[in-house]
C-alpha atoms as a PDB file:
ATOM      1  CA  MET A   1      30.234   0.816  11.572  1.00  0.00           C
ATOM      2  CA  MET A   2      27.373   2.083   9.430  1.00  0.00           C
ATOM      3  CA  THR A   3      24.193   2.717  11.590  1.00  0.00           C
ATOM      4  CA  ASP A   4      20.260   1.741   9.925  1.00  0.00           C
ATOM      5  CA  LEU A   5      18.763   5.757   8.972  1.00  0.00           C
ATOM      6  CA  HIS A   6      15.445   5.231   8.582  1.00  0.00           C
ATOM      7  CA  HIS A   7      13.646   8.490   7.377  1.00  0.00           C
ATOM      8  CA  PRO A   8       9.992   8.701   8.083  1.00  0.00           C
ATOM      9  CA  LEU A   9       7.762  10.821   6.462  1.00  0.00           C
ATOM     10  CA  ILE A  10       6.665  12.616   9.925  1.00  0.00           C
ATOM     11  CA  ASN A  11      10.498  12.884  10.295  1.00  0.00           C
ATOM     12  CA  GLU A  12      11.575  14.298   7.015  1.00  0.00           C
ATOM     13  CA  LEU A  13       8.378  16.985   7.047  1.00  0.00           C
ATOM     14  CA  PRO A  14       7.343  17.836  10.387  1.00  0.00           C
ATOM     15  CA  GLU A  15       5.522  20.727   9.337  1.00  0.00           C
ATOM     16  CA  TYR A  16       3.643  18.462   7.167  1.00  0.00           C
ATOM     17  CA  ARG A  17       2.451  16.325   9.828  1.00  0.00           C
ATOM     18  CA  ASP A  18      -1.495  16.875  10.107  1.00  0.00           C
ATOM     19  CA  ASP A  19      -1.535  17.036   5.932  1.00  0.00           C
ATOM     20  CA  ILE A  20      -0.002  13.121   5.987  1.00  0.00           C
ATOM     21  CA  HIS A  21      -2.099  11.981   8.694  1.00  0.00           C
ATOM     22  CA  ARG A  22      -5.441  13.223   6.779  1.00  0.00           C
ATOM     23  CA  LEU A  23      -4.274  11.999   3.110  1.00  0.00           C
ATOM     24  CA  LYS A  24      -3.151   8.544   4.837  1.00  0.00           C
ATOM     25  CA  THR A  25      -7.167   8.509   6.294  1.00  0.00           C
ATOM     26  CA  GLU A  26      -8.926  10.296   3.048  1.00  0.00           C
ATOM     27  CA  ASP A  27      -7.223   9.474  -0.467  1.00  0.00           C
ATOM     28  CA  HIS A  28      -6.641   5.836  -0.821  1.00  0.00           C
ATOM     29  CA  HIS A  29      -3.906   6.269  -3.370  1.00  0.00           C
ATOM     30  CA  PHE A  30      -1.706   8.442  -1.089  1.00  0.00           C
ATOM     31  CA  ARG A  31      -1.992   5.677   1.660  1.00  0.00           C
ATOM     32  CA  HIS A  32      -0.941   3.410  -0.888  1.00  0.00           C
ATOM     33  CA  LEU A  33       2.585   5.714  -1.921  1.00  0.00           C
ATOM     34  CA  PHE A  34       2.652   6.057   1.692  1.00  0.00           C
ATOM     35  CA  ASP A  35       2.906   2.404   3.062  1.00  0.00           C
ATOM     36  CA  GLN A  36       5.668   1.717  -0.194  1.00  0.00           C
ATOM     37  CA  TYR A  37       8.196   4.451   1.208  1.00  0.00           C
ATOM     38  CA  HIS A  38       8.036   2.944   4.728  1.00  0.00           C
ATOM     39  CA  GLU A  39       8.334  -0.525   3.460  1.00  0.00           C
ATOM     40  CA  ILE A  40      11.263   0.343   1.446  1.00  0.00           C
ATOM     41  CA  ASP A  41      12.937   2.624   3.900  1.00  0.00           C
ATOM     42  CA  ARG A  42      12.166  -0.162   6.613  1.00  0.00           C
ATOM     43  CA  ARG A  43      14.360  -2.519   3.820  1.00  0.00           C
ATOM     44  CA  TRP A  44      16.973  -0.266   2.561  1.00  0.00           C
ATOM     45  CA  PRO A  45      19.459  -0.529   5.301  1.00  0.00           C
ATOM     46  CA  ALA A  46      19.637  -4.208   5.699  1.00  0.00           C
ATOM     47  CA  SER A  47      19.823  -5.120   1.570  1.00  0.00           C
ATOM     48  CA  ASN A  48      22.598  -2.577   1.484  1.00  0.00           C
ATOM     49  CA  ARG A  49      24.555  -4.023   4.072  1.00  0.00           C
ATOM     50  CA  ARG A  50      24.235  -7.109   2.737  1.00  0.00           C
ATOM     51  CA  SER A  51      24.899  -6.035  -1.360  1.00  0.00           C
ATOM     52  CA  ARG A  52      28.401  -4.574   0.553  1.00  0.00           C
ATOM     53  CA  ARG A  53      29.583  -7.541   2.288  1.00  0.00           C
ATOM     54  CA  ARG A  54      28.989  -9.795  -0.935  1.00  0.00           C
ATOM     55  CA  ALA A  55      30.691  -7.081  -3.291  1.00  0.00           C
ATOM     56  CA  MET A  56      33.651  -7.101  -0.288  1.00  0.00           C
ATOM     57  CA  PRO A  57      34.310 -10.531   1.026  1.00  0.00           C
ATOM     58  CA  GLY A  58      37.022  -9.582   3.259  1.00  0.00           C
ATOM     59  CA  LEU A  59      35.096  -7.601   5.352  1.00  0.00           C
ATOM     60  CA  ARG A  60      34.392  -8.527   8.909  1.00  0.00           C
ATOM     61  CA  ARG A  61      30.927  -8.464  10.132  1.00  0.00           C
END
């Protein structure tokens, strides 16, 4: 069984935690990119599972 793996930037780059927080509050472009990244990260595992089921219809869920 495949588990959902999420990759929040804070977990991926813990040494930049303070910088990420500062940029999120001070830089609108960074905030926009940050939000896009997390939306894609949130959606990816579910969409990937659906694609695999369509490609391999004989597999059990």
